[in-house]
Amino acid sequence: MATVELRFSALPEHVRTARLVAAAVARRAGVDEAVLDEVRLAVGEACTRAVGLHQSSGVTEPVRVALIEDEKQFSIEVGDEAPRAAPGDRAPGVGLGDGDDAEGEDEMGLAVISGLVDDVEVTAGESGGLIRMSWPTTPAPLVP
């Protein structure tokens, strides 16, 4: 198993770099060419979401991206350090109002990712969140 790790400051201009690196590593891992645009878009959405969460929470830690090559699949993990409470942990009325726009954008980004990636897992808690996405790979042909 090979892993490429990226860490970047939570600035929107770094999302493009993460997308380009993810597509290059996915291609090398054997992800089908027809799926590479989906990989780029999903990574862009996940990284944009992480950047937004860092900026809105005042988190100065970098956004983390891990690109993981396994025998039969390629996975990408996008992690953030923005603390979030579970929806049931909010007091009545807390998180309503101006925060609804941010929550709506967050939900939209997750919906886009779910539409692009068949195998996606989203976790979040007090220490941040993680989006894990996976795609099947095809083995490289053997050269005689």
C-alpha atoms as a PDB file:
ATOM      1  CA  MET A   1       0.000   0.000   0.000  1.00  0.00           C
ATOM      2  CA  ALA A   2       1.396   3.391  -1.025  1.00  0.00           C
ATOM      3  CA  THR A   3       0.249   6.691   0.461  1.00  0.00           C
ATOM      4  CA  VAL A   4       0.812  10.267  -0.618  1.00  0.00           C
ATOM      5  CA  GLU A   5       0.046  12.885   2.026  1.00  0.00           C
ATOM      6  CA  LEU A   6      -0.653  16.577   1.494  1.00  0.00           C
ATOM      7  CA  ARG A   7      -1.098  19.286   4.091  1.00  0.00           C
ATOM      8  CA  PHE A   8      -2.022  22.787   3.045  1.00  0.00           C
ATOM      9  CA  SER A   9      -3.035  26.054   4.655  1.00  0.00           C
ATOM     10  CA  ALA A  10      -6.797  26.524   4.698  1.00  0.00           C
ATOM     11  CA  LEU A  11      -6.838  28.875   1.723  1.00  0.00           C
ATOM     12  CA  PRO A  12      -9.076  28.415  -1.339  1.00  0.00           C
ATOM     13  CA  GLU A  13      -6.173  28.829  -3.764  1.00  0.00           C
ATOM     14  CA  HIS A  14      -4.604  25.575  -2.515  1.00  0.00           C
ATOM     15  CA  VAL A  15      -7.662  23.464  -3.419  1.00  0.00           C
ATOM     16  CA  ARG A  16      -6.684  23.421  -7.109  1.00  0.00           C
ATOM     17  CA  THR A  17      -3.281  21.970  -6.257  1.00  0.00           C
ATOM     18  CA  ALA A  18      -4.911  19.210  -4.192  1.00  0.00           C
ATOM     19  CA  ARG A  19      -7.207  18.391  -7.127  1.00  0.00           C
ATOM     20  CA  LEU A  20      -4.301  18.152  -9.568  1.00  0.00           C
ATOM     21  CA  VAL A  21      -2.213  15.950  -7.261  1.00  0.00           C
ATOM     22  CA  ALA A  22      -5.209  13.691  -6.542  1.00  0.00           C
ATOM     23  CA  ALA A  23      -5.894  13.182 -10.251  1.00  0.00           C
ATOM     24  CA  ALA A  24      -2.243  12.397 -10.979  1.00  0.00           C
ATOM     25  CA  VAL A  25      -1.974   9.865  -8.151  1.00  0.00           C
ATOM     26  CA  ALA A  26      -5.356   8.321  -9.085  1.00  0.00           C
ATOM     27  CA  ARG A  27      -4.178   7.878 -12.677  1.00  0.00           C
ATOM     28  CA  ARG A  28      -0.960   6.222 -11.497  1.00  0.00           C
ATOM     29  CA  ALA A  29      -2.966   3.973  -9.131  1.00  0.00           C
ATOM     30  CA  GLY A  30      -5.045   2.641 -12.025  1.00  0.00           C
ATOM     31  CA  VAL A  31      -8.309   4.546 -11.649  1.00  0.00           C
ATOM     32  CA  ASP A  32     -10.202   4.460 -14.954  1.00  0.00           C
ATOM     33  CA  GLU A  33      -9.587   7.564 -17.117  1.00  0.00           C
ATOM     34  CA  ALA A  34     -13.355   8.113 -17.418  1.00  0.00           C
ATOM     35  CA  VAL A  35     -13.588   8.515 -13.627  1.00  0.00           C
ATOM     36  CA  LEU A  36     -10.723  10.998 -13.167  1.00  0.00           C
ATOM     37  CA  ASP A  37     -12.995  14.035 -13.589  1.00  0.00           C
ATOM     38  CA  GLU A  38     -15.187  12.680 -10.785  1.00  0.00           C
ATOM     39  CA  VAL A  39     -12.100  12.225  -8.602  1.00  0.00           C
ATOM     40  CA  ARG A  40     -11.041  15.836  -9.281  1.00  0.00           C
ATOM     41  CA  LEU A  41     -14.506  17.215  -8.559  1.00  0.00           C
ATOM     42  CA  ALA A  42     -14.996  15.156  -5.387  1.00  0.00           C
ATOM     43  CA  VAL A  43     -11.584  16.150  -4.009  1.00  0.00           C
ATOM     44  CA  GLY A  44     -12.292  19.781  -4.876  1.00  0.00           C
ATOM     45  CA  GLU A  45     -15.613  19.681  -3.014  1.00  0.00           C
ATOM     46  CA  ALA A  46     -14.120  17.927   0.021  1.00  0.00           C
ATOM     47  CA  CYS A  47     -11.144  20.303   0.212  1.00  0.00           C
ATOM     48  CA  THR A  48     -13.315  23.397  -0.317  1.00  0.00           C
ATOM     49  CA  ARG A  49     -15.569  22.183   2.500  1.00  0.00           C
ATOM     50  CA  ALA A  50     -12.572  21.631   4.810  1.00  0.00           C
ATOM     51  CA  VAL A  51     -11.151  25.079   3.977  1.00  0.00           C
ATOM     52  CA  GLY A  52     -14.524  26.682   4.709  1.00  0.00           C
ATOM     53  CA  LEU A  53     -14.865  24.847   8.024  1.00  0.00           C
ATOM     54  CA  HIS A  54     -11.357  25.897   9.068  1.00  0.00           C
ATOM     55  CA  GLN A  55     -11.959  29.513   8.136  1.00  0.00           C
ATOM     56  CA  SER A  56     -15.379  29.747   9.810  1.00  0.00           C
ATOM     57  CA  SER A  57     -14.066  28.068  12.980  1.00  0.00           C
ATOM     58  CA  GLY A  58     -10.825  30.065  13.156  1.00  0.00           C
ATOM     59  CA  VAL A  59      -8.731  26.888  12.899  1.00  0.00           C
ATOM     60  CA  THR A  60      -5.126  27.552  11.844  1.00  0.00           C
ATOM     61  CA  GLU A  61      -4.087  23.906  11.410  1.00  0.00           C
ATOM     62  CA  PRO A  62      -3.593  22.702   7.827  1.00  0.00           C
ATOM     63  CA  VAL A  63      -6.137  20.679   5.861  1.00  0.00           C
ATOM     64  CA  ARG A  64      -4.975  17.058   5.480  1.00  0.00           C
ATOM     65  CA  VAL A  65      -5.317  14.947   2.334  1.00  0.00           C
ATOM     66  CA  ALA A  66      -4.172  11.313   2.136  1.00  0.00           C
ATOM     67  CA  LEU A  67      -4.103   9.524  -1.234  1.00  0.00           C
ATOM     68  CA  ILE A  68      -3.973   5.784  -0.602  1.00  0.00           C
ATOM     69  CA  GLU A  69      -3.227   3.111  -3.215  1.00  0.00           C
ATOM     70  CA  ASP A  70      -4.348  -0.421  -2.340  1.00  0.00           C
ATOM     71  CA  GLU A  71      -4.321  -3.489  -4.568  1.00  0.00           C
ATOM     72  CA  LYS A  72      -7.898  -3.098  -5.785  1.00  0.00           C
ATOM     73  CA  GLN A  73      -8.903   0.411  -4.799  1.00  0.00           C
ATOM     74  CA  PHE A  74      -7.745   3.996  -4.562  1.00  0.00           C
ATOM     75  CA  SER A  75      -8.890   6.014  -1.542  1.00  0.00           C
ATOM     76  CA  ILE A  76      -8.722   9.667  -0.648  1.00  0.00           C
ATOM     77  CA  GLU A  77      -9.156  10.995   2.876  1.00  0.00           C
ATOM     78  CA  VAL A  78      -9.730  14.713   3.428  1.00  0.00           C
ATOM     79  CA  GLY A  79      -9.472  15.702   7.063  1.00  0.00           C
ATOM     80  CA  ASP A  80     -10.192  18.926   8.876  1.00  0.00           C
ATOM     81  CA  GLU A  81      -9.612  20.108  12.436  1.00  0.00           C
ATOM     82  CA  ALA A  82     -12.863  22.087  12.808  1.00  0.00           C
ATOM     83  CA  PRO A  83     -14.730  20.895  15.908  1.00  0.00           C
ATOM     84  CA  ARG A  84     -18.388  20.032  15.450  1.00  0.00           C
ATOM     85  CA  ALA A  85     -20.970  18.798  17.921  1.00  0.00           C
ATOM     86  CA  ALA A  86     -23.446  16.129  16.941  1.00  0.00           C
ATOM     87  CA  PRO A  87     -26.808  17.622  15.805  1.00  0.00           C
ATOM     88  CA  GLY A  88     -28.518  16.360  18.964  1.00  0.00           C
ATOM     89  CA  ASP A  89     -25.940  18.128  21.163  1.00  0.00           C
ATOM     90  CA  ARG A  90     -27.116  21.614  20.229  1.00  0.00           C
ATOM     91  CA  ALA A  91     -29.227  23.590  22.640  1.00  0.00           C
ATOM     92  CA  PRO A  92     -32.599  24.688  21.205  1.00  0.00           C
ATOM     93  CA  GLY A  93     -32.130  27.707  18.948  1.00  0.00           C
ATOM     94  CA  VAL A  94     -28.337  27.394  18.806  1.00  0.00           C
ATOM     95  CA  GLY A  95     -26.997  27.169  15.273  1.00  0.00           C
ATOM     96  CA  LEU A  96     -30.045  28.772  13.720  1.00  0.00           C
ATOM     97  CA  GLY A  97     -30.007  32.016  11.759  1.00  0.00           C
ATOM     98  CA  ASP A  98     -26.810  33.089  10.004  1.00  0.00           C
ATOM     99  CA  GLY A  99     -25.262  29.644  10.442  1.00  0.00           C
ATOM    100  CA  ASP A 100     -27.998  28.092   8.295  1.00  0.00           C
ATOM    101  CA  ASP A 101     -26.342  29.373   5.107  1.00  0.00           C
ATOM    102  CA  ALA A 102     -23.058  27.710   6.037  1.00  0.00           C
ATOM    103  CA  GLU A 103     -24.878  24.504   6.985  1.00  0.00           C
ATOM    104  CA  GLY A 104     -26.759  24.588   3.680  1.00  0.00           C
ATOM    105  CA  GLU A 105     -23.517  24.941   1.722  1.00  0.00           C
ATOM    106  CA  ASP A 106     -21.992  22.126   3.770  1.00  0.00           C
ATOM    107  CA  GLU A 107     -24.966  19.847   3.025  1.00  0.00           C
ATOM    108  CA  MET A 108     -24.805  20.765  -0.674  1.00  0.00           C
ATOM    109  CA  GLY A 109     -21.094  19.933  -0.842  1.00  0.00           C
ATOM    110  CA  LEU A 110     -21.711  16.558   0.806  1.00  0.00           C
ATOM    111  CA  ALA A 111     -24.587  15.879  -1.610  1.00  0.00           C
ATOM    112  CA  VAL A 112     -22.319  16.625  -4.588  1.00  0.00           C
ATOM    113  CA  ILE A 113     -19.636  14.293  -3.211  1.00  0.00           C
ATOM    114  CA  SER A 114     -22.215  11.534  -2.607  1.00  0.00           C
ATOM    115  CA  GLY A 115     -23.430  11.939  -6.184  1.00  0.00           C
ATOM    116  CA  LEU A 116     -19.903  11.615  -7.569  1.00  0.00           C
ATOM    117  CA  VAL A 117     -18.566   8.800  -5.386  1.00  0.00           C
ATOM    118  CA  ASP A 118     -20.248   5.450  -4.792  1.00  0.00           C
ATOM    119  CA  ASP A 119     -18.103   4.597  -1.771  1.00  0.00           C
ATOM    120  CA  VAL A 120     -18.003   7.595   0.586  1.00  0.00           C
ATOM    121  CA  GLU A 121     -17.916   7.861   4.379  1.00  0.00           C
ATOM    122  CA  VAL A 122     -18.225  11.093   6.355  1.00  0.00           C
ATOM    123  CA  THR A 123     -17.377  11.359  10.052  1.00  0.00           C
ATOM    124  CA  ALA A 124     -17.236  14.421  12.287  1.00  0.00           C
ATOM    125  CA  GLY A 125     -16.738  15.129  15.955  1.00  0.00           C
ATOM    126  CA  GLU A 126     -15.128  17.392  18.515  1.00  0.00           C
ATOM    127  CA  SER A 127     -11.647  16.992  17.002  1.00  0.00           C
ATOM    128  CA  GLY A 128     -12.671  17.565  13.379  1.00  0.00           C
ATOM    129  CA  GLY A 129     -13.988  15.602  10.454  1.00  0.00           C
ATOM    130  CA  LEU A 130     -12.945  13.163   7.769  1.00  0.00           C
ATOM    131  CA  ILE A 131     -14.314  12.382   4.334  1.00  0.00           C
ATOM    132  CA  ARG A 132     -13.110   9.039   2.950  1.00  0.00           C
ATOM    133  CA  MET A 133     -13.789   8.297  -0.720  1.00  0.00           C
ATOM    134  CA  SER A 134     -12.801   5.174  -2.674  1.00  0.00           C
ATOM    135  CA  TRP A 135     -12.725   4.107  -6.316  1.00  0.00           C
ATOM    136  CA  PRO A 136     -11.888   0.728  -7.843  1.00  0.00           C
ATOM    137  CA  THR A 137      -8.635   0.364  -9.751  1.00  0.00           C
ATOM    138  CA  THR A 138      -7.671  -1.816 -12.663  1.00  0.00           C
ATOM    139  CA  PRO A 139      -4.374  -3.635 -12.476  1.00  0.00           C
ATOM    140  CA  ALA A 140      -1.680  -2.532 -14.889  1.00  0.00           C
ATOM    141  CA  PRO A 141      -1.223  -4.943 -17.798  1.00  0.00           C
ATOM    142  CA  LEU A 142       1.774  -7.218 -17.568  1.00  0.00           C
ATOM    143  CA  VAL A 143       4.477  -6.427 -20.088  1.00  0.00           C
ATOM    144  CA  PRO A 144       5.998  -9.586 -21.629  1.00  0.00           C
END
